Protein backbone atom coordinates (compact mmCIF):
# COMPACT_ATOMS: atom_id res chain seq x y z
CA MET A 1 45.04 -8.48 4.01
CA TYR A 2 43.01 -11.62 3.21
CA ARG A 3 42.66 -12.36 6.90
CA ASN A 4 41.11 -8.91 7.53
CA LEU A 5 38.77 -9.40 4.60
CA SER A 6 37.71 -12.83 5.89
CA VAL A 7 37.06 -11.48 9.38
CA PHE A 8 34.99 -8.63 7.91
CA ALA A 9 32.97 -11.00 5.67
CA VAL A 10 32.20 -13.40 8.54
CA SER A 11 31.26 -10.49 10.83
CA ALA A 12 28.95 -9.04 8.20
CA LEU A 13 27.19 -12.39 7.72
CA ILE A 14 26.67 -12.79 11.47
CA VAL A 15 25.18 -9.29 11.76
CA LEU A 16 22.89 -9.79 8.75
CA ALA A 17 21.72 -13.19 10.01
CA GLY A 18 20.76 -11.61 13.33
CA CYS A 19 18.65 -8.91 11.67
CA GLU A 20 15.65 -11.02 10.76
CA ARG A 21 12.81 -8.70 9.73
CA LYS A 22 9.28 -9.49 10.75
CA PRO A 23 6.46 -9.14 8.17
CA PHE A 24 4.57 -5.82 8.29
CA VAL A 25 2.28 -3.56 6.31
CA GLU A 26 2.07 0.18 6.93
CA ASP A 27 -0.21 2.67 5.23
CA LYS A 28 -0.67 6.41 5.00
CA LEU A 29 -3.78 7.97 3.44
CA LYS A 30 -4.45 11.47 2.15
CA PHE A 31 -7.87 12.25 0.72
CA GLU A 32 -9.81 15.16 -0.70
CA LYS A 33 -13.50 15.41 -1.59
CA VAL A 34 -13.78 16.14 -5.32
CA SER A 35 -17.55 16.29 -5.83
CA ASP A 36 -20.83 15.45 -4.14
CA GLY A 37 -22.76 12.49 -5.43
CA CYS A 38 -21.38 9.58 -7.43
CA SER A 39 -22.98 10.08 -10.83
CA ILE A 40 -19.78 9.02 -12.64
CA THR A 41 -17.69 5.91 -12.05
CA PRO A 42 -14.08 6.86 -11.30
CA GLN A 43 -11.64 5.14 -13.69
CA ALA A 44 -8.16 6.60 -13.09
CA PHE A 45 -5.59 4.57 -11.14
CA LYS A 46 -1.91 5.53 -10.86
CA MET A 47 0.92 3.70 -9.11
CA THR A 48 4.37 5.11 -8.31
CA SER A 49 7.03 2.88 -6.80
CA ASN A 50 10.10 3.95 -4.83
CA PHE A 51 12.44 2.64 -2.13
CA GLY A 52 9.87 3.39 0.59
CA GLY A 53 7.00 1.40 -0.92
CA GLU A 54 4.28 2.22 -3.42
CA ARG A 55 1.98 5.18 -3.84
CA TYR A 56 -1.46 4.69 -5.35
CA GLU A 57 -3.58 7.59 -6.57
CA PHE A 58 -7.21 6.98 -7.50
CA ASP A 59 -10.75 8.30 -7.14
CA ARG A 60 -13.39 6.44 -5.17
CA CYS A 61 -17.09 6.83 -4.37
CA LEU A 62 -17.32 6.89 -0.56
CA SER A 63 -19.60 8.21 2.17
CA ALA A 64 -19.75 12.01 2.06
CA ASP A 65 -18.44 12.06 5.65
CA PHE A 66 -15.56 9.65 4.93
CA ALA A 67 -12.79 9.40 7.56
CA LYS A 68 -9.58 7.33 7.52
CA GLU A 69 -11.05 5.03 10.16
CA GLN A 70 -13.46 3.76 7.47
CA MET A 71 -10.53 2.15 5.63
CA SER A 72 -8.65 -1.00 6.65
CA VAL A 73 -5.36 -2.35 5.27
CA SER A 74 -4.11 -5.87 5.96
CA ARG A 75 -1.81 -8.45 4.50
CA HIS A 76 -2.87 -11.94 3.38
CA GLY A 77 0.04 -13.95 1.94
CA ASP A 78 1.49 -12.02 -1.00
CA THR A 79 -1.58 -9.74 -1.22
CA VAL A 80 -2.25 -6.40 0.48
CA VAL A 81 -5.99 -6.01 1.02
CA VAL A 82 -7.61 -2.56 1.28
CA ASN A 83 -11.27 -2.27 2.23
CA PHE A 84 -13.44 0.82 2.50
CA ALA A 85 -16.69 0.99 4.47
CA LYS A 86 -19.70 0.85 2.18
CA PRO A 87 -21.01 4.36 1.48
CA GLY A 88 -24.26 5.40 3.12
CA THR A 89 -27.03 7.31 1.40
CA SER A 90 -24.94 10.48 1.18
CA LYS A 91 -22.07 9.80 -1.24
CA ALA A 92 -19.18 11.78 -2.71
CA ILE A 93 -16.19 11.21 -4.97
CA PHE A 94 -12.84 11.46 -3.20
CA ASN A 95 -9.35 11.67 -4.64
CA LEU A 96 -7.21 9.27 -2.59
CA THR A 97 -3.45 9.02 -2.24
CA LEU A 98 -2.53 5.79 -0.48
CA ASP A 99 1.08 4.99 0.45
CA ILE A 100 1.82 1.35 1.28
CA ASP A 101 5.06 -0.02 2.68
CA SER A 102 5.20 -3.74 3.28
CA TYR A 103 7.69 -6.52 3.96
CA PRO A 104 8.08 -8.97 2.40
CA LYS A 105 7.31 -7.73 -1.09
CA TYR A 106 3.70 -8.20 -2.13
CA ASN A 107 2.59 -9.17 -5.63
CA PHE A 108 -1.10 -8.27 -5.54
CA LEU A 109 -3.23 -5.39 -4.28
CA THR A 110 -6.93 -5.97 -3.64
CA ILE A 111 -9.18 -2.93 -3.18
CA ASP A 112 -12.78 -3.75 -2.24
CA GLY A 113 -12.59 -7.08 -4.05
CA ASP A 114 -10.81 -5.82 -7.21
CA THR A 115 -7.34 -7.37 -7.48
CA TYR A 116 -4.39 -5.81 -9.31
CA ALA A 117 -1.06 -7.50 -10.06
CA ILE A 118 1.86 -5.40 -8.83
CA VAL A 119 4.72 -5.72 -11.29
CA ALA A 120 8.05 -4.00 -10.77
CA SER A 121 9.28 -2.01 -13.76
CA ASN A 122 12.91 -2.29 -14.79
């Protein structure tokens, strides 16, 4: 019995050692125009964490003709950096839902220069 357990344990370690994951960051964005113009400064910011990464929900003043291609997501050390193209003369408030999955775990999220500490809740 102990021999079978030892063989299983050694086999499991070999398999796990061979499965080295490479660093990555993946994003998915959903957005909806809420209002034309940017007369108010959006304040709300919500984060939901699950096994597949984090979901961020927030409002942002962007170009009225905003498209996903005007957003970039990259990883710098333990920080995920999100940048939006600067809005043109025609602006609108958008409600954004941004899903981020990254390995290894990141501790900070920077959106257009504003940095937030990402703390796991227990």
